[in-house]
Amino acid sequence: MSKETFLANFLSVTDFRNPVEVTMDTLLKDLPEWDSLAALGVIVMFDTEYGQTITGDDLSKAKSVGDLYQMLRH
């Protein structure tokens, strides 16, 4: 799966109200609307789009969008 596809899926499931540019280097804490609902969307994305289970603990270890992407590759 390409990074571009992952980024598009990430933006789709987080459903930020305000447009935001996201790269693999974007820090999650720097996203103005990164909250528990956005995190839940990412958990659901991992399950439905990629057939992989991640937990809240896994998410708390991720600092950037790229860290999330790397979780898929392991």
PDB file of N, CA and C in Angstrom:
ATOM      1  N   MET A   1       0.830  -1.167   0.000  1.00  0.00           N
ATOM      2  CA  MET A   1       0.000   0.000   0.000  1.00  0.00           C
ATOM      3  C   MET A   1       0.885   1.244   0.000  1.00  0.00           C
ATOM      4  N   SER A   2       0.491   2.194  -0.809  1.00  0.00           N
ATOM      5  CA  SER A   2       1.309   3.399  -0.949  1.00  0.00           C
ATOM      6  C   SER A   2       1.068   4.367   0.210  1.00  0.00           C
ATOM      7  N   LYS A   3       2.049   5.208   0.420  1.00  0.00           N
ATOM      8  CA  LYS A   3       1.919   6.246   1.448  1.00  0.00           C
ATOM      9  C   LYS A   3       0.782   7.198   1.103  1.00  0.00           C
ATOM     10  N   GLU A   4       0.625   7.489  -0.180  1.00  0.00           N
ATOM     11  CA  GLU A   4      -0.426   8.412  -0.610  1.00  0.00           C
ATOM     12  C   GLU A   4      -1.807   7.856  -0.284  1.00  0.00           C
ATOM     13  N   THR A   5      -1.995   6.563  -0.510  1.00  0.00           N
ATOM     14  CA  THR A   5      -3.269   5.918  -0.186  1.00  0.00           C
ATOM     15  C   THR A   5      -3.516   5.954   1.313  1.00  0.00           C
ATOM     16  N   PHE A   6      -2.478   5.666   2.087  1.00  0.00           N
ATOM     17  CA  PHE A   6      -2.612   5.702   3.543  1.00  0.00           C
ATOM     18  C   PHE A   6      -2.996   7.101   4.010  1.00  0.00           C
ATOM     19  N   LEU A   7      -2.331   8.123   3.482  1.00  0.00           N
ATOM     20  CA  LEU A   7      -2.646   9.500   3.875  1.00  0.00           C
ATOM     21  C   LEU A   7      -4.086   9.855   3.516  1.00  0.00           C
ATOM     22  N   ALA A   8      -4.528   9.446   2.343  1.00  0.00           N
ATOM     23  CA  ALA A   8      -5.911   9.717   1.933  1.00  0.00           C
ATOM     24  C   ALA A   8      -6.893   9.016   2.864  1.00  0.00           C
ATOM     25  N   ASN A   9      -6.611   7.766   3.211  1.00  0.00           N
ATOM     26  CA  ASN A   9      -7.475   7.040   4.141  1.00  0.00           C
ATOM     27  C   ASN A   9      -7.471   7.689   5.516  1.00  0.00           C
ATOM     28  N   PHE A  10      -6.301   8.119   5.970  1.00  0.00           N
ATOM     29  CA  PHE A  10      -6.187   8.784   7.270  1.00  0.00           C
ATOM     30  C   PHE A  10      -7.065  10.032   7.304  1.00  0.00           C
ATOM     31  N   LEU A  11      -6.972  10.856   6.278  1.00  0.00           N
ATOM     32  CA  LEU A  11      -7.779  12.081   6.235  1.00  0.00           C
ATOM     33  C   LEU A  11      -9.268  11.767   6.144  1.00  0.00           C
ATOM     34  N   SER A  12      -9.607  10.705   5.467  1.00  0.00           N
ATOM     35  CA  SER A  12     -11.013  10.324   5.333  1.00  0.00           C
ATOM     36  C   SER A  12     -11.610   9.897   6.672  1.00  0.00           C
ATOM     37  N   VAL A  13     -10.898   9.066   7.413  1.00  0.00           N
ATOM     38  CA  VAL A  13     -11.467   8.545   8.665  1.00  0.00           C
ATOM     39  C   VAL A  13     -11.393   9.531   9.818  1.00  0.00           C
ATOM     40  N   THR A  14     -10.441  10.440   9.781  1.00  0.00           N
ATOM     41  CA  THR A  14     -10.373  11.421  10.863  1.00  0.00           C
ATOM     42  C   THR A  14     -11.402  12.521  10.668  1.00  0.00           C
ATOM     43  N   ASP A  15     -11.808  12.756   9.423  1.00  0.00           N
ATOM     44  CA  ASP A  15     -12.904  13.673   9.105  1.00  0.00           C
ATOM     45  C   ASP A  15     -12.746  15.035   9.793  1.00  0.00           C
ATOM     46  N   PHE A  16     -11.558  15.622   9.655  1.00  0.00           N
ATOM     47  CA  PHE A  16     -11.321  16.943  10.233  1.00  0.00           C
ATOM     48  C   PHE A  16     -12.239  17.960   9.571  1.00  0.00           C
ATOM     49  N   ARG A  17     -12.828  18.834  10.362  1.00  0.00           N
ATOM     50  CA  ARG A  17     -13.749  19.846   9.826  1.00  0.00           C
ATOM     51  C   ARG A  17     -13.022  20.873   8.980  1.00  0.00           C
ATOM     52  N   ASN A  18     -11.844  21.245   9.399  1.00  0.00           N
ATOM     53  CA  ASN A  18     -11.063  22.244   8.672  1.00  0.00           C
ATOM     54  C   ASN A  18      -9.996  21.541   7.838  1.00  0.00           C
ATOM     55  N   PRO A  19      -9.794  21.991   6.606  1.00  0.00           N
ATOM     56  CA  PRO A  19      -8.774  21.361   5.759  1.00  0.00           C
ATOM     57  C   PRO A  19      -7.395  21.420   6.422  1.00  0.00           C
ATOM     58  N   VAL A  20      -6.681  20.339   6.310  1.00  0.00           N
ATOM     59  CA  VAL A  20      -5.348  20.267   6.897  1.00  0.00           C
ATOM     60  C   VAL A  20      -4.461  19.467   5.945  1.00  0.00           C
ATOM     61  N   GLU A  21      -3.227  19.917   5.803  1.00  0.00           N
ATOM     62  CA  GLU A  21      -2.262  19.186   4.986  1.00  0.00           C
ATOM     63  C   GLU A  21      -1.508  18.230   5.895  1.00  0.00           C
ATOM     64  N   VAL A  22      -1.477  16.976   5.493  1.00  0.00           N
ATOM     65  CA  VAL A  22      -0.842  15.946   6.309  1.00  0.00           C
ATOM     66  C   VAL A  22       0.218  15.238   5.477  1.00  0.00           C
ATOM     67  N   THR A  23       1.385  15.064   6.078  1.00  0.00           N
ATOM     68  CA  THR A  23       2.462  14.280   5.478  1.00  0.00           C
ATOM     69  C   THR A  23       2.846  13.189   6.472  1.00  0.00           C
ATOM     70  N   MET A  24       3.748  12.344   6.081  1.00  0.00           N
ATOM     71  CA  MET A  24       4.220  11.300   6.990  1.00  0.00           C
ATOM     72  C   MET A  24       4.938  11.895   8.203  1.00  0.00           C
ATOM     73  N   ASP A  25       5.459  13.106   8.049  1.00  0.00           N
ATOM     74  CA  ASP A  25       6.187  13.752   9.142  1.00  0.00           C
ATOM     75  C   ASP A  25       5.285  14.548  10.080  1.00  0.00           C
ATOM     76  N   THR A  26       4.013  14.679   9.751  1.00  0.00           N
ATOM     77  CA  THR A  26       3.099  15.453  10.582  1.00  0.00           C
ATOM     78  C   THR A  26       2.964  14.798  11.953  1.00  0.00           C
ATOM     79  N   LEU A  27       3.186  15.598  12.990  1.00  0.00           N
ATOM     80  CA  LEU A  27       3.021  15.105  14.355  1.00  0.00           C
ATOM     81  C   LEU A  27       1.541  15.115  14.709  1.00  0.00           C
ATOM     82  N   LEU A  28       1.084  14.022  15.287  1.00  0.00           N
ATOM     83  CA  LEU A  28      -0.330  13.924  15.644  1.00  0.00           C
ATOM     84  C   LEU A  28      -0.730  15.040  16.601  1.00  0.00           C
ATOM     85  N   LYS A  29       0.134  15.357  17.562  1.00  0.00           N
ATOM     86  CA  LYS A  29      -0.192  16.395  18.545  1.00  0.00           C
ATOM     87  C   LYS A  29      -0.323  17.777  17.915  1.00  0.00           C
ATOM     88  N   ASP A  30       0.217  17.952  16.714  1.00  0.00           N
ATOM     89  CA  ASP A  30       0.127  19.241  16.029  1.00  0.00           C
ATOM     90  C   ASP A  30      -1.139  19.384  15.189  1.00  0.00           C
ATOM     91  N   LEU A  31      -1.902  18.306  15.059  1.00  0.00           N
ATOM     92  CA  LEU A  31      -3.159  18.372  14.312  1.00  0.00           C
ATOM     93  C   LEU A  31      -4.224  18.971  15.230  1.00  0.00           C
ATOM     94  N   PRO A  32      -4.789  20.122  14.864  1.00  0.00           N
ATOM     95  CA  PRO A  32      -5.713  20.822  15.758  1.00  0.00           C
ATOM     96  C   PRO A  32      -6.919  19.989  16.179  1.00  0.00           C
ATOM     97  N   GLU A  33      -7.359  19.080  15.334  1.00  0.00           N
ATOM     98  CA  GLU A  33      -8.554  18.309  15.645  1.00  0.00           C
ATOM     99  C   GLU A  33      -8.246  16.854  16.007  1.00  0.00           C
ATOM    100  N   TRP A  34      -6.980  16.563  16.331  1.00  0.00           N
ATOM    101  CA  TRP A  34      -6.637  15.206  16.749  1.00  0.00           C
ATOM    102  C   TRP A  34      -7.187  15.005  18.154  1.00  0.00           C
ATOM    103  N   ASP A  35      -8.145  14.113  18.275  1.00  0.00           N
ATOM    104  CA  ASP A  35      -8.776  13.844  19.561  1.00  0.00           C
ATOM    105  C   ASP A  35      -9.175  12.377  19.614  1.00  0.00           C
ATOM    106  N   SER A  36      -9.921  12.002  20.643  1.00  0.00           N
ATOM    107  CA  SER A  36     -10.286  10.596  20.808  1.00  0.00           C
ATOM    108  C   SER A  36     -11.162  10.093  19.664  1.00  0.00           C
ATOM    109  N   LEU A  37     -12.000  10.948  19.101  1.00  0.00           N
ATOM    110  CA  LEU A  37     -12.840  10.533  17.977  1.00  0.00           C
ATOM    111  C   LEU A  37     -11.994  10.268  16.727  1.00  0.00           C
ATOM    112  N   ALA A  38     -11.010  11.117  16.474  1.00  0.00           N
ATOM    113  CA  ALA A  38     -10.102  10.896  15.343  1.00  0.00           C
ATOM    114  C   ALA A  38      -9.300   9.611  15.562  1.00  0.00           C
ATOM    115  N   ALA A  39      -8.847   9.392  16.794  1.00  0.00           N
ATOM    116  CA  ALA A  39      -8.095   8.175  17.109  1.00  0.00           C
ATOM    117  C   ALA A  39      -8.953   6.935  16.889  1.00  0.00           C
ATOM    118  N   LEU A  40     -10.214   7.005  17.285  1.00  0.00           N
ATOM    119  CA  LEU A  40     -11.123   5.884  17.062  1.00  0.00           C
ATOM    120  C   LEU A  40     -11.283   5.609  15.567  1.00  0.00           C
ATOM    121  N   GLY A  41     -11.358   6.666  14.774  1.00  0.00           N
ATOM    122  CA  GLY A  41     -11.436   6.498  13.326  1.00  0.00           C
ATOM    123  C   GLY A  41     -10.228   5.765  12.774  1.00  0.00           C
ATOM    124  N   VAL A  42      -9.055   6.059  13.307  1.00  0.00           N
ATOM    125  CA  VAL A  42      -7.830   5.385  12.857  1.00  0.00           C
ATOM    126  C   VAL A  42      -7.862   3.909  13.259  1.00  0.00           C
ATOM    127  N   ILE A  43      -8.334   3.618  14.464  1.00  0.00           N
ATOM    128  CA  ILE A  43      -8.447   2.223  14.908  1.00  0.00           C
ATOM    129  C   ILE A  43      -9.381   1.452  13.978  1.00  0.00           C
ATOM    130  N   VAL A  44     -10.513   2.063  13.643  1.00  0.00           N
ATOM    131  CA  VAL A  44     -11.471   1.427  12.736  1.00  0.00           C
ATOM    132  C   VAL A  44     -10.856   1.258  11.344  1.00  0.00           C
ATOM    133  N   MET A  45     -10.108   2.262  10.873  1.00  0.00           N
ATOM    134  CA  MET A  45      -9.453   2.172   9.565  1.00  0.00           C
ATOM    135  C   MET A  45      -8.498   0.978   9.517  1.00  0.00           C
ATOM    136  N   PHE A  46      -7.703   0.803  10.558  1.00  0.00           N
ATOM    137  CA  PHE A  46      -6.771  -0.318  10.585  1.00  0.00           C
ATOM    138  C   PHE A  46      -7.527  -1.637  10.464  1.00  0.00           C
ATOM    139  N   ASP A  47      -8.664  -1.732  11.141  1.00  0.00           N
ATOM    140  CA  ASP A  47      -9.439  -2.967  11.121  1.00  0.00           C
ATOM    141  C   ASP A  47     -10.131  -3.190   9.782  1.00  0.00           C
ATOM    142  N   THR A  48     -10.864  -2.188   9.304  1.00  0.00           N
ATOM    143  CA  THR A  48     -11.685  -2.385   8.105  1.00  0.00           C
ATOM    144  C   THR A  48     -10.892  -2.312   6.809  1.00  0.00           C
ATOM    145  N   GLU A  49      -9.958  -1.392   6.722  1.00  0.00           N
ATOM    146  CA  GLU A  49      -9.199  -1.217   5.480  1.00  0.00           C
ATOM    147  C   GLU A  49      -8.025  -2.181   5.356  1.00  0.00           C
ATOM    148  N   TYR A  50      -7.417  -2.518   6.506  1.00  0.00           N
ATOM    149  CA  TYR A  50      -6.169  -3.268   6.453  1.00  0.00           C
ATOM    150  C   TYR A  50      -6.208  -4.597   7.199  1.00  0.00           C
ATOM    151  N   GLY A  51      -7.341  -4.899   7.864  1.00  0.00           N
ATOM    152  CA  GLY A  51      -7.464  -6.168   8.571  1.00  0.00           C
ATOM    153  C   GLY A  51      -6.469  -6.336   9.697  1.00  0.00           C
ATOM    154  N   GLN A  52      -6.115  -5.237  10.327  1.00  0.00           N
ATOM    155  CA  GLN A  52      -5.123  -5.262  11.397  1.00  0.00           C
ATOM    156  C   GLN A  52      -5.713  -4.586  12.631  1.00  0.00           C
ATOM    157  N   THR A  53      -5.480  -5.179  13.786  1.00  0.00           N
ATOM    158  CA  THR A  53      -5.995  -4.628  15.031  1.00  0.00           C
ATOM    159  C   THR A  53      -4.910  -3.818  15.725  1.00  0.00           C
ATOM    160  N   ILE A  54      -5.272  -2.597  16.104  1.00  0.00           N
ATOM    161  CA  ILE A  54      -4.389  -1.790  16.948  1.00  0.00           C
ATOM    162  C   ILE A  54      -5.208  -1.314  18.143  1.00  0.00           C
ATOM    163  N   THR A  55      -4.519  -0.972  19.196  1.00  0.00           N
ATOM    164  CA  THR A  55      -5.178  -0.547  20.433  1.00  0.00           C
ATOM    165  C   THR A  55      -4.884   0.922  20.709  1.00  0.00           C
ATOM    166  N   GLY A  56      -5.548   1.435  21.706  1.00  0.00           N
ATOM    167  CA  GLY A  56      -5.254   2.789  22.151  1.00  0.00           C
ATOM    168  C   GLY A  56      -3.814   2.920  22.611  1.00  0.00           C
ATOM    169  N   ASP A  57      -3.288   1.860  23.230  1.00  0.00           N
ATOM    170  CA  ASP A  57      -1.880   1.874  23.647  1.00  0.00           C
ATOM    171  C   ASP A  57      -0.954   1.980  22.443  1.00  0.00           C
ATOM    172  N   ASP A  58      -1.295   1.258  21.373  1.00  0.00           N
ATOM    173  CA  ASP A  58      -0.498   1.360  20.143  1.00  0.00           C
ATOM    174  C   ASP A  58      -0.509   2.795  19.628  1.00  0.00           C
ATOM    175  N   LEU A  59      -1.695   3.393  19.614  1.00  0.00           N
ATOM    176  CA  LEU A  59      -1.814   4.773  19.124  1.00  0.00           C
ATOM    177  C   LEU A  59      -1.027   5.742  19.988  1.00  0.00           C
ATOM    178  N   SER A  60      -1.018   5.514  21.284  1.00  0.00           N
ATOM    179  CA  SER A  60      -0.311   6.444  22.171  1.00  0.00           C
ATOM    180  C   SER A  60       1.193   6.418  21.935  1.00  0.00           C
ATOM    181  N   LYS A  61       1.701   5.341  21.352  1.00  0.00           N
ATOM    182  CA  LYS A  61       3.130   5.241  21.039  1.00  0.00           C
ATOM    183  C   LYS A  61       3.488   5.967  19.748  1.00  0.00           C
ATOM    184  N   ALA A  62       2.486   6.200  18.911  1.00  0.00           N
ATOM    185  CA  ALA A  62       2.723   6.874  17.629  1.00  0.00           C
ATOM    186  C   ALA A  62       2.834   8.374  17.846  1.00  0.00           C
ATOM    187  N   LYS A  63       3.876   8.955  17.339  1.00  0.00           N
ATOM    188  CA  LYS A  63       4.073  10.404  17.436  1.00  0.00           C
ATOM    189  C   LYS A  63       3.675  11.114  16.150  1.00  0.00           C
ATOM    190  N   SER A  64       3.828  10.417  15.023  1.00  0.00           N
ATOM    191  CA  SER A  64       3.560  11.042  13.726  1.00  0.00           C
ATOM    192  C   SER A  64       2.652  10.144  12.885  1.00  0.00           C
ATOM    193  N   VAL A  65       2.160  10.705  11.808  1.00  0.00           N
ATOM    194  CA  VAL A  65       1.364   9.923  10.864  1.00  0.00           C
ATOM    195  C   VAL A  65       2.228   8.796  10.287  1.00  0.00           C
ATOM    196  N   GLY A  66       3.493   9.072  10.059  1.00  0.00           N
ATOM    197  CA  GLY A  66       4.412   8.050   9.564  1.00  0.00           C
ATOM    198  C   GLY A  66       4.571   6.887  10.532  1.00  0.00           C
ATOM    199  N   ASP A  67       4.519   7.174  11.834  1.00  0.00           N
ATOM    200  CA  ASP A  67       4.575   6.095  12.828  1.00  0.00           C
ATOM    201  C   ASP A  67       3.377   5.162  12.666  1.00  0.00           C
ATOM    202  N   LEU A  68       2.210   5.736  12.393  1.00  0.00           N
ATOM    203  CA  LEU A  68       1.018   4.914  12.159  1.00  0.00           C
ATOM    204  C   LEU A  68       1.216   4.040  10.928  1.00  0.00           C
ATOM    205  N   TYR A  69       1.750   4.637   9.879  1.00  0.00           N
ATOM    206  CA  TYR A  69       2.009   3.897   8.638  1.00  0.00           C
ATOM    207  C   TYR A  69       2.961   2.732   8.901  1.00  0.00           C
ATOM    208  N   GLN A  70       3.974   2.966   9.701  1.00  0.00           N
ATOM    209  CA  GLN A  70       4.943   1.912  10.004  1.00  0.00           C
ATOM    210  C   GLN A  70       4.300   0.759  10.763  1.00  0.00           C
ATOM    211  N   MET A  71       3.268   1.039  11.551  1.00  0.00           N
ATOM    212  CA  MET A  71       2.567  -0.031  12.270  1.00  0.00           C
ATOM    213  C   MET A  71       1.951  -1.028  11.295  1.00  0.00           C
ATOM    214  N   LEU A  72       1.553  -0.550  10.130  1.00  0.00           N
ATOM    215  CA  LEU A  72       0.977  -1.435   9.117  1.00  0.00           C
ATOM    216  C   LEU A  72       2.024  -2.333   8.494  1.00  0.00           C
ATOM    217  N   ARG A  73       3.229  -1.908   8.496  1.00  0.00           N
ATOM    218  CA  ARG A  73       4.277  -2.626   7.789  1.00  0.00           C
ATOM    219  C   ARG A  73       4.914  -3.690   8.676  1.00  0.00           C
ATOM    220  N   HIS A  74       4.437  -3.826   9.921  1.00  0.00           N
ATOM    221  CA  HIS A  74       4.992  -4.844  10.831  1.00  0.00           C
ATOM    222  C   HIS A  74       3.974  -5.901  11.131  1.00  0.00           C
TER     223      HIS A  74
END
